[in-house]
Protein backbone atom coordinates (compact mmCIF):
# COMPACT_ATOMS: atom_id res chain seq x y z
CA MET A 1 74.21 -30.60 292.63
CA ALA A 2 71.83 -33.62 291.04
CA GLY A 3 68.75 -32.26 292.74
CA HIS A 4 67.61 -29.51 290.71
CA SER A 5 67.47 -28.05 287.58
CA LYS A 6 70.07 -26.62 286.18
CA TRP A 7 68.53 -25.91 282.70
CA ALA A 8 65.37 -24.46 285.05
CA ASN A 9 67.23 -22.04 286.51
CA ILE A 10 69.33 -20.55 283.44
CA GLN A 11 66.01 -20.18 282.10
CA HIS A 12 64.88 -18.15 285.18
CA ARG A 13 68.20 -15.88 285.08
CA LYS A 14 67.41 -15.71 281.23
CA GLY A 15 63.40 -14.04 282.33
CA LYS A 16 64.32 -12.14 284.30
CA GLN A 17 67.34 -10.75 282.56
CA ASP A 18 64.43 -9.98 279.57
CA SER A 19 62.84 -7.71 281.83
CA LYS A 20 65.18 -5.30 283.03
CA ARG A 21 66.54 -4.45 279.37
CA GLY A 22 66.65 -0.93 280.27
CA LYS A 23 69.00 -1.64 283.15
CA ILE A 24 71.11 -3.84 281.04
CA PHE A 25 71.57 -1.41 278.18
CA THR A 26 73.15 0.82 281.28
CA ARG A 27 75.52 -2.53 282.71
CA LEU A 28 76.75 -3.57 279.11
CA ILE A 29 77.21 0.77 278.53
CA LYS A 30 79.45 0.82 281.46
CA GLU A 31 81.34 -3.05 280.43
CA ILE A 32 81.67 -1.63 276.66
CA THR A 33 83.23 1.99 278.61
CA VAL A 34 85.71 0.11 280.93
CA ALA A 35 86.78 -2.93 278.45
CA ALA A 36 87.24 -0.06 275.77
CA LYS A 37 89.77 1.93 278.65
CA LEU A 38 91.40 -0.72 279.94
CA GLY A 39 92.32 -2.55 276.99
CA ASP A 40 92.71 -2.23 273.20
CA SER A 41 89.49 -0.41 271.80
CA ASP A 42 89.54 -2.48 268.47
CA PRO A 43 87.60 -5.24 269.53
CA ALA A 44 89.69 -8.11 267.65
CA GLY A 45 92.46 -7.57 270.18
CA ASN A 46 90.71 -7.50 273.18
CA PRO A 47 87.95 -10.00 274.50
CA ARG A 48 86.81 -8.64 277.19
CA LEU A 49 85.13 -5.59 274.69
CA ARG A 50 84.68 -8.59 271.88
CA LEU A 51 82.61 -9.99 274.53
CA ALA A 52 80.32 -7.07 276.01
CA ILE A 53 79.78 -5.96 272.35
CA GLU A 54 78.04 -9.30 271.53
CA LYS A 55 75.83 -9.47 274.77
CA ALA A 56 74.79 -5.40 273.64
CA TYR A 57 74.03 -6.82 269.89
CA ALA A 58 71.57 -10.02 271.25
CA GLN A 59 69.53 -7.31 273.39
CA ASN A 60 69.37 -5.43 270.27
CA MET A 61 71.29 -2.38 271.52
CA PRO A 62 71.57 0.10 268.65
CA LYS A 63 74.90 0.22 266.97
CA ASP A 64 75.23 4.17 267.91
CA ASN A 65 75.12 3.31 271.60
CA VAL A 66 77.65 0.21 271.46
CA GLU A 67 80.33 2.92 269.62
CA ARG A 68 79.61 6.10 271.86
CA ALA A 69 80.18 3.61 274.81
CA ILE A 70 83.70 2.43 272.83
CA LYS A 71 84.60 6.25 272.30
CA ARG A 72 84.22 6.79 276.17
CA GLY A 73 86.23 4.35 277.09
CA SER A 74 88.98 5.08 274.43
CA GLY A 75 89.11 9.06 275.30
CA GLU A 76 87.69 9.92 271.95
CA LEU A 77 84.66 11.34 274.00
CA GLU A 78 84.33 12.84 277.02
CA GLY A 79 82.73 10.39 279.78
CA VAL A 80 81.97 9.21 283.23
CA ASP A 81 85.26 7.76 285.22
CA TYR A 82 83.58 4.03 286.37
CA GLN A 83 85.89 2.27 289.22
CA GLU A 84 85.55 -1.65 289.24
CA LEU A 85 84.81 -2.31 292.97
CA ARG A 86 83.76 -5.93 294.56
CA TYR A 87 82.17 -6.60 297.72
CA GLU A 88 81.92 -10.11 299.25
CA GLY A 89 79.04 -11.10 301.72
CA TYR A 90 77.08 -13.73 303.43
CA GLY A 91 73.13 -14.44 302.82
CA ILE A 92 70.09 -15.99 304.70
CA ASN A 93 72.27 -19.22 306.30
CA GLY A 94 75.64 -18.07 305.42
CA ALA A 95 75.32 -18.45 301.52
CA ALA A 96 78.17 -16.48 299.73
CA VAL A 97 77.76 -13.89 297.54
CA LEU A 98 79.52 -11.74 295.33
CA VAL A 99 78.74 -8.10 294.21
CA ASP A 100 80.37 -6.93 291.49
CA CYS A 101 79.94 -3.20 290.94
CA MET A 102 81.52 0.06 288.71
CA THR A 103 80.72 3.15 290.17
CA ASP A 104 81.85 7.06 289.88
CA ASN A 105 81.20 7.32 293.71
CA LYS A 106 82.78 4.35 296.07
CA THR A 107 81.43 5.33 299.16
CA ARG A 108 77.65 6.13 297.58
CA THR A 109 78.12 1.94 296.29
CA VAL A 110 79.62 0.77 299.55
CA ALA A 111 76.51 2.11 301.81
CA ASP A 112 73.84 1.31 299.36
CA VAL A 113 75.41 -2.78 299.07
CA ARG A 114 75.70 -2.62 302.95
CA HIS A 115 72.52 -1.47 303.25
CA ALA A 116 71.42 -4.25 300.69
CA PHE A 117 72.56 -6.63 302.83
CA SER A 118 71.49 -5.69 306.23
CA LYS A 119 67.53 -5.21 304.93
CA HIS A 120 67.71 -8.57 303.42
CA GLY A 121 69.08 -10.81 306.39
CA GLY A 122 72.79 -10.74 304.99
CA ASN A 123 76.03 -8.35 306.29
CA LEU A 124 78.75 -7.65 304.01
CA GLY A 125 81.72 -9.30 304.57
CA THR A 126 85.59 -8.60 304.53
CA ASP A 127 88.06 -9.13 301.17
CA GLY A 128 88.57 -12.47 300.81
CA SER A 129 85.94 -14.13 302.93
CA VAL A 130 84.25 -16.10 299.95
CA ALA A 131 85.74 -15.47 297.16
CA PHE A 132 87.59 -18.56 297.67
CA LEU A 133 84.15 -20.53 297.25
CA PHE A 134 84.43 -19.39 292.88
CA LYS A 135 86.28 -19.57 290.62
CA HIS A 136 86.34 -17.47 287.86
CA CYS A 137 85.74 -19.26 284.85
CA GLY A 138 83.60 -19.10 281.28
CA GLN A 139 80.73 -21.09 280.93
CA MET A 140 78.54 -21.75 278.69
CA PHE A 141 75.11 -24.08 278.65
CA PHE A 142 73.48 -26.11 275.94
CA ALA A 143 69.93 -27.02 276.00
CA PRO A 144 68.55 -30.70 276.57
CA GLY A 145 68.81 -32.59 273.11
CA THR A 146 72.46 -30.94 272.24
CA ASP A 147 74.54 -33.89 270.86
CA GLU A 148 76.72 -34.52 273.82
CA ASN A 149 79.44 -36.30 271.90
CA ALA A 150 79.75 -33.75 269.10
CA LEU A 151 79.81 -31.34 271.53
CA MET A 152 82.51 -32.72 273.70
CA GLU A 153 84.54 -33.41 270.85
CA VAL A 154 84.93 -29.67 269.81
CA ALA A 155 84.64 -28.19 273.36
CA LEU A 156 87.77 -30.43 274.03
CA ASP A 157 89.68 -30.00 271.21
CA ALA A 158 89.38 -26.34 271.15
CA GLY A 159 90.76 -25.85 274.81
CA ALA A 160 88.07 -25.99 277.46
CA GLU A 161 88.69 -27.41 280.73
CA ASP A 162 85.53 -29.46 280.79
CA VAL A 163 82.29 -30.52 279.99
CA ILE A 164 79.83 -31.19 282.04
CA SER A 165 76.24 -33.27 281.55
CA HIS A 166 73.15 -32.95 283.74
CA ASP A 167 70.10 -34.81 284.88
CA ASP A 168 67.68 -32.84 283.02
CA GLY A 169 69.75 -32.94 279.74
CA SER A 170 71.41 -30.01 279.54
CA ILE A 171 75.35 -29.68 278.80
CA GLU A 172 77.89 -27.22 280.28
CA VAL A 173 80.89 -26.44 278.64
CA ILE A 174 84.08 -24.33 281.17
CA THR A 175 86.72 -22.60 280.06
CA ALA A 176 90.00 -20.99 280.95
CA PRO A 177 88.71 -17.09 281.37
CA TYR A 178 91.06 -16.13 278.05
CA ASP A 179 90.22 -19.33 276.37
CA PHE A 180 86.57 -18.35 276.54
CA MET A 181 85.93 -16.40 273.18
CA GLU A 182 88.07 -18.88 270.95
CA VAL A 183 86.16 -22.10 272.55
CA LYS A 184 82.51 -20.68 272.17
CA GLN A 185 83.86 -18.93 268.25
CA ARG A 186 84.29 -23.12 267.23
CA LEU A 187 81.49 -24.43 268.55
CA GLU A 188 78.98 -22.03 267.00
CA ALA A 189 81.22 -22.60 263.96
CA ALA A 190 80.84 -26.25 264.55
CA GLY A 191 76.69 -25.79 264.60
CA LEU A 192 76.56 -25.68 268.48
CA HIS A 193 75.24 -22.38 269.96
CA PRO A 194 74.98 -21.81 273.23
CA GLU A 195 71.65 -20.95 275.41
CA MET A 196 73.36 -19.00 277.48
CA ALA A 197 77.52 -18.02 277.39
CA GLU A 198 79.45 -15.76 279.80
CA ILE A 199 82.49 -15.23 282.07
CA THR A 200 81.73 -16.00 285.93
CA MET A 201 82.57 -16.50 289.17
CA LYS A 202 81.29 -20.25 288.90
CA PRO A 203 80.30 -21.61 292.92
CA GLU A 204 82.51 -24.70 293.78
CA ASN A 205 79.94 -26.10 295.58
CA GLU A 206 75.77 -25.06 295.59
CA VAL A 207 73.78 -24.78 298.46
CA ALA A 208 70.31 -25.43 297.79
CA PHE A 209 67.33 -23.21 298.67
CA THR A 210 63.92 -24.22 299.52
CA GLY A 211 60.77 -22.92 300.84
CA GLU A 212 60.64 -19.51 303.20
CA ASP A 213 64.23 -19.13 302.71
CA ALA A 214 64.50 -19.23 299.15
CA VAL A 215 62.04 -16.54 299.20
CA LYS A 216 64.29 -14.51 301.77
CA MET A 217 67.37 -14.68 299.86
CA GLN A 218 65.96 -13.95 296.30
CA LYS A 219 64.59 -10.68 298.19
CA LEU A 220 67.95 -10.42 298.79
CA LEU A 221 69.33 -10.97 295.74
CA ASP A 222 66.95 -8.89 293.93
CA ALA A 223 68.14 -6.05 296.27
CA LEU A 224 71.67 -5.80 295.16
CA GLU A 225 70.91 -6.24 291.30
CA SER A 226 68.42 -3.34 291.42
CA LEU A 227 70.99 -1.17 292.73
CA ASP A 228 72.33 1.40 290.14
CA ASP A 229 76.07 0.62 290.63
CA VAL A 230 75.55 -3.39 290.69
CA GLN A 231 76.68 -5.23 287.40
CA GLU A 232 76.54 -9.33 288.48
CA VAL A 233 75.45 -10.93 291.58
CA TYR A 234 77.36 -14.16 292.27
CA THR A 235 75.93 -16.73 294.29
CA ASN A 236 76.42 -20.39 295.65
CA ALA A 237 72.56 -20.31 296.67
CA VAL A 238 70.45 -22.68 294.38
CA ILE A 239 66.73 -21.17 294.79
CA GLU A 240 64.60 -23.92 294.10
CA GLU A 241 61.34 -23.37 292.46
């Protein structure tokens, strides 16, 4: 939406991630383990694993930690058997929320997620209640001042679905999930490096929150993100700074 700064929100997200480095390591180790378990343990043949490893190294995770997580996932080392779960719910004023989890105890996880929703003014929904409001896709953000013409030419030639210019000068590239790594690598080879790049659940429409509602919605999101079993939280709510 044109009414808020997309770039400011991206910088805010990055700042929150940097402040939770220990939690990020735990989440990345889980993601690497599950990616190696579900696919090839060689990242060359497993895009999900390759992206997880790339994120881990971007967070300065030691190589030994990464290799142990891969071995646990492939069965070379003993480890926890994680299950992937997704919960759907509603936040303040009915804002849509998706919560992706990895857990070894489904009963504990659903109880924790339900409690976070109810304590902070939201409620847990049923499967399919809000997922249709999101698109599974690759998403990259480029800083204001990036050469838009060059970016668009390389991105579209590499197979990107869309290139979106925002009012604040930032540029967003959207890809199909399985085209994400190819597009990202082609852009980086051309000297175009995204500030943030991820496979995500992108809301089809966003809703801006201000004032007291924004404070309440942020508390709900923070409560969900703080749960040990939660990997990612997606919402169509945009918290105005």
